[in-house]
């Protein structure tokens, strides 16, 4: 047995709103049946509008989820790229530093 019926249940609030609008636009000499038919048409329009808005919201959620998944995968891939980059220790700067200090010490000793 299905948990939810396939029929779209109409909310009481939309029924009340539709009836208020129908009564507000009621013309003199209009029967109650005609007012009910107008209210049903308004209610159907409200339900269609709500349905479209929920579809838009679902689509937006899907897009946001895709973007967040892509962003998360991009962040992990950049973290992996950073981890794979290995900086090799270069001996040339250290050798030049030691040579310059030795040259400075030799110069100081020879000048005195």
PDB file of N, CA and C in Angstrom:
ATOM      1  N   UNK A   1       0.821  -1.170   0.000  1.00  0.00           N
ATOM      2  CA  UNK A   1       0.000   0.000   0.000  1.00  0.00           C
ATOM      3  C   UNK A   1       0.869   1.239   0.000  1.00  0.00           C
ATOM      4  N   UNK A   2       0.517   2.193  -0.776  1.00  0.00           N
ATOM      5  CA  UNK A   2       1.292   3.425  -0.863  1.00  0.00           C
ATOM      6  C   UNK A   2       1.083   4.264   0.387  1.00  0.00           C
ATOM      7  N   UNK A   3       2.174   4.872   0.823  1.00  0.00           N
ATOM      8  CA  UNK A   3       2.110   5.704   2.019  1.00  0.00           C
ATOM      9  C   UNK A   3       1.348   6.996   1.734  1.00  0.00           C
ATOM     10  N   UNK A   4       1.560   7.548   0.569  1.00  0.00           N
ATOM     11  CA  UNK A   4       0.906   8.784   0.172  1.00  0.00           C
ATOM     12  C   UNK A   4       0.079   8.524  -1.078  1.00  0.00           C
ATOM     13  N   UNK A   5      -1.054   9.154  -1.155  1.00  0.00           N
ATOM     14  CA  UNK A   5      -1.893   8.965  -2.329  1.00  0.00           C
ATOM     15  C   UNK A   5      -1.349   9.808  -3.482  1.00  0.00           C
ATOM     16  N   UNK A   6      -1.653   9.394  -4.680  1.00  0.00           N
ATOM     17  CA  UNK A   6      -1.188  10.107  -5.866  1.00  0.00           C
ATOM     18  C   UNK A   6      -1.948  11.419  -6.049  1.00  0.00           C
ATOM     19  N   UNK A   7      -3.149  11.517  -5.506  1.00  0.00           N
ATOM     20  CA  UNK A   7      -3.927  12.741  -5.633  1.00  0.00           C
ATOM     21  C   UNK A   7      -3.230  13.855  -4.860  1.00  0.00           C
ATOM     22  N   UNK A   8      -3.249  15.010  -5.443  1.00  0.00           N
ATOM     23  CA  UNK A   8      -2.668  16.172  -4.775  1.00  0.00           C
ATOM     24  C   UNK A   8      -3.698  16.731  -3.808  1.00  0.00           C
ATOM     25  N   UNK A   9      -3.378  16.723  -2.545  1.00  0.00           N
ATOM     26  CA  UNK A   9      -4.308  17.229  -1.541  1.00  0.00           C
ATOM     27  C   UNK A   9      -4.264  18.752  -1.530  1.00  0.00           C
ATOM     28  N   UNK A  10      -5.431  19.321  -1.552  1.00  0.00           N
ATOM     29  CA  UNK A  10      -5.536  20.769  -1.569  1.00  0.00           C
ATOM     30  C   UNK A  10      -5.526  21.292  -0.143  1.00  0.00           C
ATOM     31  N   UNK A  11      -4.751  22.321   0.070  1.00  0.00           N
ATOM     32  CA  UNK A  11      -4.652  22.855   1.422  1.00  0.00           C
ATOM     33  C   UNK A  11      -5.849  23.737   1.747  1.00  0.00           C
ATOM     34  N   UNK A  12      -6.185  23.769   3.008  1.00  0.00           N
ATOM     35  CA  UNK A  12      -7.316  24.588   3.466  1.00  0.00           C
ATOM     36  C   UNK A  12      -7.018  26.075   3.274  1.00  0.00           C
ATOM     37  N   UNK A  13      -5.747  26.434   3.454  1.00  0.00           N
ATOM     38  CA  UNK A  13      -5.377  27.846   3.328  1.00  0.00           C
ATOM     39  C   UNK A  13      -5.615  28.329   1.897  1.00  0.00           C
ATOM     40  N   UNK A  14      -5.227  27.506   0.922  1.00  0.00           N
ATOM     41  CA  UNK A  14      -5.436  27.938  -0.466  1.00  0.00           C
ATOM     42  C   UNK A  14      -6.930  27.976  -0.808  1.00  0.00           C
ATOM     43  N   UNK A  15      -7.714  27.083  -0.206  1.00  0.00           N
ATOM     44  CA  UNK A  15      -9.160  27.126  -0.430  1.00  0.00           C
ATOM     45  C   UNK A  15      -9.740  28.423   0.127  1.00  0.00           C
ATOM     46  N   UNK A  16      -9.308  28.766   1.341  1.00  0.00           N
ATOM     47  CA  UNK A  16      -9.807  29.999   1.966  1.00  0.00           C
ATOM     48  C   UNK A  16      -9.382  31.232   1.174  1.00  0.00           C
ATOM     49  N   UNK A  17      -8.122  31.252   0.747  1.00  0.00           N
ATOM     50  CA  UNK A  17      -7.627  32.392  -0.033  1.00  0.00           C
ATOM     51  C   UNK A  17      -8.403  32.533  -1.341  1.00  0.00           C
ATOM     52  N   UNK A  18      -8.642  31.400  -1.993  1.00  0.00           N
ATOM     53  CA  UNK A  18      -9.368  31.432  -3.268  1.00  0.00           C
ATOM     54  C   UNK A  18     -10.795  31.927  -3.062  1.00  0.00           C
ATOM     55  N   UNK A  19     -11.429  31.486  -2.000  1.00  0.00           N
ATOM     56  CA  UNK A  19     -12.807  31.916  -1.746  1.00  0.00           C
ATOM     57  C   UNK A  19     -12.850  33.410  -1.411  1.00  0.00           C
ATOM     58  N   UNK A  20     -11.885  33.911  -0.662  1.00  0.00           N
ATOM     59  CA  UNK A  20     -11.831  35.346  -0.352  1.00  0.00           C
ATOM     60  C   UNK A  20     -11.663  36.174  -1.621  1.00  0.00           C
ATOM     61  N   UNK A  21     -10.797  35.718  -2.502  1.00  0.00           N
ATOM     62  CA  UNK A  21     -10.570  36.443  -3.749  1.00  0.00           C
ATOM     63  C   UNK A  21     -11.825  36.400  -4.618  1.00  0.00           C
ATOM     64  N   UNK A  22     -12.466  35.221  -4.670  1.00  0.00           N
ATOM     65  CA  UNK A  22     -13.678  35.080  -5.484  1.00  0.00           C
ATOM     66  C   UNK A  22     -14.795  35.963  -4.947  1.00  0.00           C
ATOM     67  N   UNK A  23     -14.927  36.031  -3.635  1.00  0.00           N
ATOM     68  CA  UNK A  23     -15.965  36.882  -3.049  1.00  0.00           C
ATOM     69  C   UNK A  23     -15.638  38.362  -3.252  1.00  0.00           C
ATOM     70  N   UNK A  24     -14.359  38.675  -3.247  1.00  0.00           N
ATOM     71  CA  UNK A  24     -13.953  40.063  -3.447  1.00  0.00           C
ATOM     72  C   UNK A  24     -14.225  40.554  -4.853  1.00  0.00           C
ATOM     73  N   UNK A  25     -14.164  39.652  -5.810  1.00  0.00           N
ATOM     74  CA  UNK A  25     -14.399  40.039  -7.207  1.00  0.00           C
ATOM     75  C   UNK A  25     -15.808  39.692  -7.670  1.00  0.00           C
ATOM     76  N   UNK A  26     -16.655  39.270  -6.752  1.00  0.00           N
ATOM     77  CA  UNK A  26     -18.021  38.856  -7.099  1.00  0.00           C
ATOM     78  C   UNK A  26     -18.817  40.042  -7.638  1.00  0.00           C
ATOM     79  N   UNK A  27     -19.547  39.778  -8.711  1.00  0.00           N
ATOM     80  CA  UNK A  27     -20.365  40.823  -9.345  1.00  0.00           C
ATOM     81  C   UNK A  27     -21.812  40.684  -8.878  1.00  0.00           C
ATOM     82  N   UNK A  28     -22.554  41.749  -8.927  1.00  0.00           N
ATOM     83  CA  UNK A  28     -23.970  41.670  -8.525  1.00  0.00           C
ATOM     84  C   UNK A  28     -24.733  40.703  -9.430  1.00  0.00           C
ATOM     85  N   UNK A  29     -25.560  39.887  -8.827  1.00  0.00           N
ATOM     86  CA  UNK A  29     -26.355  38.933  -9.591  1.00  0.00           C
ATOM     87  C   UNK A  29     -25.635  37.621  -9.842  1.00  0.00           C
ATOM     88  N   UNK A  30     -24.446  37.477  -9.345  1.00  0.00           N
ATOM     89  CA  UNK A  30     -23.669  36.241  -9.550  1.00  0.00           C
ATOM     90  C   UNK A  30     -24.138  35.201  -8.537  1.00  0.00           C
ATOM     91  N   UNK A  31     -24.380  33.968  -9.001  1.00  0.00           N
ATOM     92  CA  UNK A  31     -24.869  32.914  -8.103  1.00  0.00           C
ATOM     93  C   UNK A  31     -23.722  32.335  -7.289  1.00  0.00           C
ATOM     94  N   UNK A  32     -24.113  31.587  -6.249  1.00  0.00           N
ATOM     95  CA  UNK A  32     -23.112  30.951  -5.389  1.00  0.00           C
ATOM     96  C   UNK A  32     -22.316  29.908  -6.174  1.00  0.00           C
ATOM     97  N   UNK A  33     -22.985  29.226  -7.094  1.00  0.00           N
ATOM     98  CA  UNK A  33     -22.311  28.215  -7.912  1.00  0.00           C
ATOM     99  C   UNK A  33     -21.236  28.853  -8.790  1.00  0.00           C
ATOM    100  N   UNK A  34     -21.578  29.988  -9.361  1.00  0.00           N
ATOM    101  CA  UNK A  34     -20.605  30.688 -10.188  1.00  0.00           C
ATOM    102  C   UNK A  34     -19.416  31.149  -9.336  1.00  0.00           C
ATOM    103  N   UNK A  35     -19.692  31.617  -8.135  1.00  0.00           N
ATOM    104  CA  UNK A  35     -18.625  32.045  -7.236  1.00  0.00           C
ATOM    105  C   UNK A  35     -17.744  30.860  -6.855  1.00  0.00           C
ATOM    106  N   UNK A  36     -18.375  29.702  -6.628  1.00  0.00           N
ATOM    107  CA  UNK A  36     -17.604  28.495  -6.291  1.00  0.00           C
ATOM    108  C   UNK A  36     -16.713  28.080  -7.454  1.00  0.00           C
ATOM    109  N   UNK A  37     -17.237  28.160  -8.664  1.00  0.00           N
ATOM    110  CA  UNK A  37     -16.443  27.809  -9.846  1.00  0.00           C
ATOM    111  C   UNK A  37     -15.252  28.760 -10.003  1.00  0.00           C
ATOM    112  N   UNK A  38     -15.497  30.031  -9.766  1.00  0.00           N
ATOM    113  CA  UNK A  38     -14.402  31.012  -9.845  1.00  0.00           C
ATOM    114  C   UNK A  38     -13.366  30.715  -8.770  1.00  0.00           C
ATOM    115  N   UNK A  39     -13.864  30.382  -7.565  1.00  0.00           N
ATOM    116  CA  UNK A  39     -12.945  30.060  -6.463  1.00  0.00           C
ATOM    117  C   UNK A  39     -12.124  28.823  -6.793  1.00  0.00           C
ATOM    118  N   UNK A  40     -12.733  27.829  -7.441  1.00  0.00           N
ATOM    119  CA  UNK A  40     -11.998  26.623  -7.829  1.00  0.00           C
ATOM    120  C   UNK A  40     -10.912  26.953  -8.848  1.00  0.00           C
ATOM    121  N   UNK A  41     -11.246  27.825  -9.791  1.00  0.00           N
ATOM    122  CA  UNK A  41     -10.251  28.230 -10.784  1.00  0.00           C
ATOM    123  C   UNK A  41      -9.092  28.976 -10.137  1.00  0.00           C
ATOM    124  N   UNK A  42      -9.409  29.853  -9.214  1.00  0.00           N
ATOM    125  CA  UNK A  42      -8.356  30.603  -8.504  1.00  0.00           C
ATOM    126  C   UNK A  42      -7.502  29.647  -7.683  1.00  0.00           C
ATOM    127  N   UNK A  43      -8.175  28.693  -7.031  1.00  0.00           N
ATOM    128  CA  UNK A  43      -7.450  27.722  -6.212  1.00  0.00           C
ATOM    129  C   UNK A  43      -6.508  26.883  -7.074  1.00  0.00           C
ATOM    130  N   UNK A  44      -6.976  26.495  -8.230  1.00  0.00           N
ATOM    131  CA  UNK A  44      -6.133  25.714  -9.138  1.00  0.00           C
ATOM    132  C   UNK A  44      -4.906  26.533  -9.558  1.00  0.00           C
ATOM    133  N   UNK A  45      -5.135  27.819  -9.823  1.00  0.00           N
ATOM    134  CA  UNK A  45      -4.014  28.694 -10.170  1.00  0.00           C
ATOM    135  C   UNK A  45      -3.018  28.820  -9.036  1.00  0.00           C
ATOM    136  N   UNK A  46      -3.525  28.925  -7.805  1.00  0.00           N
ATOM    137  CA  UNK A  46      -2.637  29.005  -6.641  1.00  0.00           C
ATOM    138  C   UNK A  46      -1.822  27.722  -6.509  1.00  0.00           C
ATOM    139  N   UNK A  47      -2.471  26.583  -6.683  1.00  0.00           N
ATOM    140  CA  UNK A  47      -1.779  25.296  -6.567  1.00  0.00           C
ATOM    141  C   UNK A  47      -0.716  25.138  -7.654  1.00  0.00           C
ATOM    142  N   UNK A  48      -1.030  25.555  -8.873  1.00  0.00           N
ATOM    143  CA  UNK A  48      -0.046  25.480  -9.963  1.00  0.00           C
ATOM    144  C   UNK A  48       1.146  26.377  -9.663  1.00  0.00           C
ATOM    145  N   UNK A  49       0.861  27.567  -9.158  1.00  0.00           N
ATOM    146  CA  UNK A  49       1.944  28.496  -8.791  1.00  0.00           C
ATOM    147  C   UNK A  49       2.839  27.887  -7.711  1.00  0.00           C
ATOM    148  N   UNK A  50       2.225  27.310  -6.680  1.00  0.00           N
ATOM    149  CA  UNK A  50       3.002  26.693  -5.607  1.00  0.00           C
ATOM    150  C   UNK A  50       3.844  25.533  -6.137  1.00  0.00           C
ATOM    151  N   UNK A  51       3.265  24.756  -7.047  1.00  0.00           N
ATOM    152  CA  UNK A  51       3.970  23.615  -7.616  1.00  0.00           C
ATOM    153  C   UNK A  51       5.201  24.075  -8.404  1.00  0.00           C
ATOM    154  N   UNK A  52       5.020  25.124  -9.205  1.00  0.00           N
ATOM    155  CA  UNK A  52       6.149  25.650  -9.985  1.00  0.00           C
ATOM    156  C   UNK A  52       7.239  26.198  -9.077  1.00  0.00           C
ATOM    157  N   UNK A  53       6.829  26.874  -8.000  1.00  0.00           N
ATOM    158  CA  UNK A  53       7.815  27.430  -7.078  1.00  0.00           C
ATOM    159  C   UNK A  53       8.595  26.318  -6.381  1.00  0.00           C
ATOM    160  N   UNK A  54       7.919  25.235  -6.017  1.00  0.00           N
ATOM    161  CA  UNK A  54       8.625  24.132  -5.373  1.00  0.00           C
ATOM    162  C   UNK A  54       9.564  23.437  -6.356  1.00  0.00           C
ATOM    163  N   UNK A  55       9.150  23.340  -7.630  1.00  0.00           N
ATOM    164  CA  UNK A  55      10.035  22.767  -8.644  1.00  0.00           C
ATOM    165  C   UNK A  55      11.281  23.629  -8.823  1.00  0.00           C
ATOM    166  N   UNK A  56      11.101  24.953  -8.839  1.00  0.00           N
ATOM    167  CA  UNK A  56      12.246  25.859  -8.952  1.00  0.00           C
ATOM    168  C   UNK A  56      13.166  25.714  -7.757  1.00  0.00           C
ATOM    169  N   UNK A  57      12.583  25.594  -6.574  1.00  0.00           N
ATOM    170  CA  UNK A  57      13.386  25.443  -5.358  1.00  0.00           C
ATOM    171  C   UNK A  57      14.166  24.137  -5.395  1.00  0.00           C
ATOM    172  N   UNK A  58      13.537  23.050  -5.847  1.00  0.00           N
ATOM    173  CA  UNK A  58      14.245  21.766  -5.948  1.00  0.00           C
ATOM    174  C   UNK A  58      15.381  21.854  -6.954  1.00  0.00           C
ATOM    175  N   UNK A  59      15.129  22.487  -8.086  1.00  0.00           N
ATOM    176  CA  UNK A  59      16.165  22.632  -9.114  1.00  0.00           C
ATOM    177  C   UNK A  59      17.338  23.456  -8.586  1.00  0.00           C
ATOM    178  N   UNK A  60      17.033  24.520  -7.858  1.00  0.00           N
ATOM    179  CA  UNK A  60      18.080  25.345  -7.265  1.00  0.00           C
ATOM    180  C   UNK A  60      18.882  24.542  -6.254  1.00  0.00           C
ATOM    181  N   UNK A  61      18.213  23.723  -5.446  1.00  0.00           N
ATOM    182  CA  UNK A  61      18.909  22.877  -4.481  1.00  0.00           C
ATOM    183  C   UNK A  61      19.831  21.892  -5.192  1.00  0.00           C
ATOM    184  N   UNK A  62      19.352  21.321  -6.292  1.00  0.00           N
ATOM    185  CA  UNK A  62      20.193  20.389  -7.052  1.00  0.00           C
ATOM    186  C   UNK A  62      21.449  21.091  -7.568  1.00  0.00           C
ATOM    187  N   UNK A  63      21.272  22.290  -8.115  1.00  0.00           N
ATOM    188  CA  UNK A  63      22.422  23.030  -8.634  1.00  0.00           C
ATOM    189  C   UNK A  63      23.388  23.377  -7.521  1.00  0.00           C
ATOM    190  N   UNK A  64      22.863  23.800  -6.376  1.00  0.00           N
ATOM    191  CA  UNK A  64      23.732  24.139  -5.251  1.00  0.00           C
ATOM    192  C   UNK A  64      24.481  22.919  -4.751  1.00  0.00           C
ATOM    193  N   UNK A  65      23.813  21.759  -4.728  1.00  0.00           N
ATOM    194  CA  UNK A  65      24.483  20.533  -4.312  1.00  0.00           C
ATOM    195  C   UNK A  65      25.592  20.163  -5.282  1.00  0.00           C
ATOM    196  N   UNK A  66      25.338  20.309  -6.586  1.00  0.00           N
ATOM    197  CA  UNK A  66      26.371  20.009  -7.576  1.00  0.00           C
ATOM    198  C   UNK A  66      27.572  20.918  -7.394  1.00  0.00           C
ATOM    199  N   UNK A  67      27.312  22.200  -7.175  1.00  0.00           N
ATOM    200  CA  UNK A  67      28.399  23.155  -6.998  1.00  0.00           C
ATOM    201  C   UNK A  67      29.190  22.835  -5.735  1.00  0.00           C
ATOM    202  N   UNK A  68      28.500  22.496  -4.656  1.00  0.00           N
ATOM    203  CA  UNK A  68      29.212  22.194  -3.412  1.00  0.00           C
ATOM    204  C   UNK A  68      30.036  20.917  -3.553  1.00  0.00           C
ATOM    205  N   UNK A  69      29.510  19.931  -4.276  1.00  0.00           N
ATOM    206  CA  UNK A  69      30.270  18.702  -4.500  1.00  0.00           C
ATOM    207  C   UNK A  69      31.500  18.998  -5.354  1.00  0.00           C
ATOM    208  N   UNK A  70      31.322  19.798  -6.401  1.00  0.00           N
ATOM    209  CA  UNK A  70      32.463  20.154  -7.245  1.00  0.00           C
ATOM    210  C   UNK A  70      33.499  20.944  -6.463  1.00  0.00           C
ATOM    211  N   UNK A  71      33.036  21.862  -5.618  1.00  0.00           N
ATOM    212  CA  UNK A  71      33.952  22.669  -4.819  1.00  0.00           C
ATOM    213  C   UNK A  71      34.719  21.781  -3.837  1.00  0.00           C
ATOM    214  N   UNK A  72      34.027  20.835  -3.223  1.00  0.00           N
ATOM    215  CA  UNK A  72      34.680  19.938  -2.268  1.00  0.00           C
ATOM    216  C   UNK A  72      35.709  19.068  -2.976  1.00  0.00           C
ATOM    217  N   UNK A  73      35.358  18.559  -4.154  1.00  0.00           N
ATOM    218  CA  UNK A  73      36.305  17.722  -4.889  1.00  0.00           C
ATOM    219  C   UNK A  73      37.489  18.560  -5.373  1.00  0.00           C
ATOM    220  N   UNK A  74      37.216  19.812  -5.735  1.00  0.00           N
ATOM    221  CA  UNK A  74      38.294  20.699  -6.171  1.00  0.00           C
ATOM    222  C   UNK A  74      39.249  20.996  -5.018  1.00  0.00           C
ATOM    223  N   UNK A  75      38.691  21.226  -3.826  1.00  0.00           N
ATOM    224  CA  UNK A  75      39.524  21.508  -2.664  1.00  0.00           C
ATOM    225  C   UNK A  75      40.388  20.308  -2.313  1.00  0.00           C
ATOM    226  N   UNK A  76      39.818  19.103  -2.379  1.00  0.00           N
ATOM    227  CA  UNK A  76      40.607  17.913  -2.057  1.00  0.00           C
ATOM    228  C   UNK A  76      41.681  17.686  -3.104  1.00  0.00           C
ATOM    229  N   UNK A  77      41.372  17.974  -4.370  1.00  0.00           N
ATOM    230  CA  UNK A  77      42.381  17.773  -5.409  1.00  0.00           C
ATOM    231  C   UNK A  77      43.518  18.783  -5.258  1.00  0.00           C
ATOM    232  N   UNK A  78      43.204  20.023  -4.869  1.00  0.00           N
ATOM    233  CA  UNK A  78      44.269  20.998  -4.661  1.00  0.00           C
ATOM    234  C   UNK A  78      45.092  20.639  -3.435  1.00  0.00           C
ATOM    235  N   UNK A  79      44.463  20.071  -2.396  1.00  0.00           N
ATOM    236  CA  UNK A  79      45.211  19.630  -1.233  1.00  0.00           C
ATOM    237  C   UNK A  79      46.153  18.503  -1.621  1.00  0.00           C
ATOM    238  N   UNK A  80      45.685  17.601  -2.455  1.00  0.00           N
ATOM    239  CA  UNK A  80      46.530  16.500  -2.897  1.00  0.00           C
ATOM    240  C   UNK A  80      47.677  17.030  -3.745  1.00  0.00           C
ATOM    241  N   UNK A  81      47.403  18.041  -4.563  1.00  0.00           N
ATOM    242  CA  UNK A  81      48.455  18.602  -5.394  1.00  0.00           C
ATOM    243  C   UNK A  81      49.498  19.276  -4.527  1.00  0.00           C
ATOM    244  N   UNK A  82      49.083  19.955  -3.486  1.00  0.00           N
ATOM    245  CA  UNK A  82      50.022  20.623  -2.599  1.00  0.00           C
ATOM    246  C   UNK A  82      50.872  19.594  -1.882  1.00  0.00           C
ATOM    247  N   UNK A  83      50.282  18.484  -1.500  1.00  0.00           N
ATOM    248  CA  UNK A  83      51.021  17.446  -0.801  1.00  0.00           C
ATOM    249  C   UNK A  83      52.043  16.780  -1.715  1.00  0.00           C
ATOM    250  N   UNK A  84      51.751  16.661  -3.005  1.00  0.00           N
ATOM    251  CA  UNK A  84      52.663  15.976  -3.907  1.00  0.00           C
ATOM    252  C   UNK A  84      53.855  16.843  -4.284  1.00  0.00           C
ATOM    253  N   UNK A  85      53.758  18.161  -4.135  1.00  0.00           N
ATOM    254  CA  UNK A  85      54.865  19.040  -4.472  1.00  0.00           C
ATOM    255  C   UNK A  85      55.900  18.945  -3.352  1.00  0.00           C
ATOM    256  N   UNK A  86      57.096  18.479  -3.710  1.00  0.00           N
ATOM    257  CA  UNK A  86      58.167  18.321  -2.730  1.00  0.00           C
ATOM    258  C   UNK A  86      59.246  19.344  -3.052  1.00  0.00           C
ATOM    259  N   UNK A  87      59.595  20.123  -2.051  1.00  0.00           N
ATOM    260  CA  UNK A  87      60.621  21.138  -2.237  1.00  0.00           C
ATOM    261  C   UNK A  87      61.966  20.512  -1.880  1.00  0.00           C
ATOM    262  N   UNK A  88      62.850  20.486  -2.869  1.00  0.00           N
ATOM    263  CA  UNK A  88      64.174  19.909  -2.644  1.00  0.00           C
ATOM    264  C   UNK A  88      65.065  20.958  -2.007  1.00  0.00           C
ATOM    265  N   UNK A  89      65.843  20.519  -1.036  1.00  0.00           N
ATOM    266  CA  UNK A  89      66.783  21.429  -0.404  1.00  0.00           C
ATOM    267  C   UNK A  89      67.962  21.681  -1.341  1.00  0.00           C
ATOM    268  N   UNK A  90      68.193  22.925  -1.676  1.00  0.00           N
ATOM    269  CA  UNK A  90      69.271  23.267  -2.584  1.00  0.00           C
ATOM    270  C   UNK A  90      70.506  23.616  -1.768  1.00  0.00           C
ATOM    271  N   UNK A  91      71.641  23.050  -2.117  1.00  0.00           N
ATOM    272  CA  UNK A  91      72.891  23.240  -1.357  1.00  0.00           C
ATOM    273  C   UNK A  91      73.653  24.483  -1.794  1.00  0.00           C
ATOM    274  N   UNK A  92      73.367  24.999  -2.951  1.00  0.00           N
ATOM    275  CA  UNK A  92      74.106  26.145  -3.460  1.00  0.00           C
ATOM    276  C   UNK A  92      73.989  27.377  -2.561  1.00  0.00           C
ATOM    277  N   UNK A  93      72.802  27.778  -2.084  1.00  0.00           N
ATOM    278  CA  UNK A  93      72.746  28.963  -1.213  1.00  0.00           C
ATOM    279  C   UNK A  93      73.549  28.780   0.068  1.00  0.00           C
ATOM    280  N   UNK A  94      73.515  27.591   0.628  1.00  0.00           N
ATOM    281  CA  UNK A  94      74.269  27.344   1.861  1.00  0.00           C
ATOM    282  C   UNK A  94      75.778  27.396   1.586  1.00  0.00           C
ATOM    283  N   UNK A  95      76.177  26.835   0.461  1.00  0.00           N
ATOM    284  CA  UNK A  95      77.608  26.858   0.126  1.00  0.00           C
ATOM    285  C   UNK A  95      78.076  28.306  -0.078  1.00  0.00           C
ATOM    286  N   UNK A  96      77.301  29.125  -0.751  1.00  0.00           N
ATOM    287  CA  UNK A  96      77.674  30.528  -0.954  1.00  0.00           C
ATOM    288  C   UNK A  96      77.715  31.295   0.366  1.00  0.00           C
ATOM    289  N   UNK A  97      76.800  30.986   1.288  1.00  0.00           N
ATOM    290  CA  UNK A  97      76.805  31.637   2.590  1.00  0.00           C
ATOM    291  C   UNK A  97      78.066  31.286   3.374  1.00  0.00           C
ATOM    292  N   UNK A  98      78.425  30.014   3.381  1.00  0.00           N
ATOM    293  CA  UNK A  98      79.639  29.581   4.098  1.00  0.00           C
ATOM    294  C   UNK A  98      80.870  30.208   3.457  1.00  0.00           C
ATOM    295  N   UNK A  99      80.935  30.238   2.147  1.00  0.00           N
ATOM    296  CA  UNK A  99      82.073  30.832   1.443  1.00  0.00           C
ATOM    297  C   UNK A  99      82.206  32.327   1.756  1.00  0.00           C
ATOM    298  N   UNK A 100      81.078  33.023   1.791  1.00  0.00           N
ATOM    299  CA  UNK A 100      81.146  34.452   2.079  1.00  0.00           C
ATOM    300  C   UNK A 100      81.614  34.699   3.509  1.00  0.00           C
ATOM    301  N   UNK A 101      81.176  33.907   4.457  1.00  0.00           N
ATOM    302  CA  UNK A 101      81.621  34.064   5.845  1.00  0.00           C
ATOM    303  C   UNK A 101      83.108  33.727   5.970  1.00  0.00           C
ATOM    304  N   UNK A 102      83.544  32.700   5.274  1.00  0.00           N
ATOM    305  CA  UNK A 102      84.983  32.366   5.299  1.00  0.00           C
ATOM    306  C   UNK A 102      85.800  33.512   4.692  1.00  0.00           C
ATOM    307  N   UNK A 103      85.298  34.058   3.604  1.00  0.00           N
ATOM    308  CA  UNK A 103      85.988  35.185   2.974  1.00  0.00           C
ATOM    309  C   UNK A 103      86.039  36.382   3.914  1.00  0.00           C
ATOM    310  N   UNK A 104      84.951  36.623   4.645  1.00  0.00           N
ATOM    311  CA  UNK A 104      84.916  37.733   5.595  1.00  0.00           C
ATOM    312  C   UNK A 104      85.918  37.505   6.721  1.00  0.00           C
ATOM    313  N   UNK A 105      85.965  36.286   7.254  1.00  0.00           N
ATOM    314  CA  UNK A 105      86.907  35.972   8.337  1.00  0.00           C
ATOM    315  C   UNK A 105      88.338  36.102   7.857  1.00  0.00           C
ATOM    316  N   UNK A 106      88.652  35.597   6.679  1.00  0.00           N
ATOM    317  CA  UNK A 106      90.011  35.716   6.118  1.00  0.00           C
ATOM    318  C   UNK A 106      90.373  37.172   5.925  1.00  0.00           C
ATOM    319  N   UNK A 107      89.488  37.972   5.427  1.00  0.00           N
ATOM    320  CA  UNK A 107      89.740  39.389   5.204  1.00  0.00           C
ATOM    321  C   UNK A 107      90.027  40.114   6.525  1.00  0.00           C
ATOM    322  N   UNK A 108      89.204  39.804   7.573  1.00  0.00           N
ATOM    323  CA  UNK A 108      89.407  40.458   8.871  1.00  0.00           C
ATOM    324  C   UNK A 108      90.755  40.055   9.452  1.00  0.00           C
ATOM    325  N   UNK A 109      91.134  38.795   9.325  1.00  0.00           N
ATOM    326  CA  UNK A 109      92.397  38.335   9.903  1.00  0.00           C
ATOM    327  C   UNK A 109      93.590  38.945   9.140  1.00  0.00           C
ATOM    328  N   UNK A 110      93.523  39.022   7.842  1.00  0.00           N
ATOM    329  CA  UNK A 110      94.630  39.546   7.059  1.00  0.00           C
ATOM    330  C   UNK A 110      94.779  41.063   7.192  1.00  0.00           C
ATOM    331  N   UNK A 111      93.695  41.793   7.372  1.00  0.00           N
ATOM    332  CA  UNK A 111      93.769  43.245   7.475  1.00  0.00           C
ATOM    333  C   UNK A 111      94.378  43.629   8.822  1.00  0.00           C
ATOM    334  N   UNK A 112      94.149  42.919   9.888  1.00  0.00           N
ATOM    335  CA  UNK A 112      94.738  43.278  11.177  1.00  0.00           C
ATOM    336  C   UNK A 112      96.129  42.873  11.199  1.00  0.00           C
TER     337      UNK A 112
END
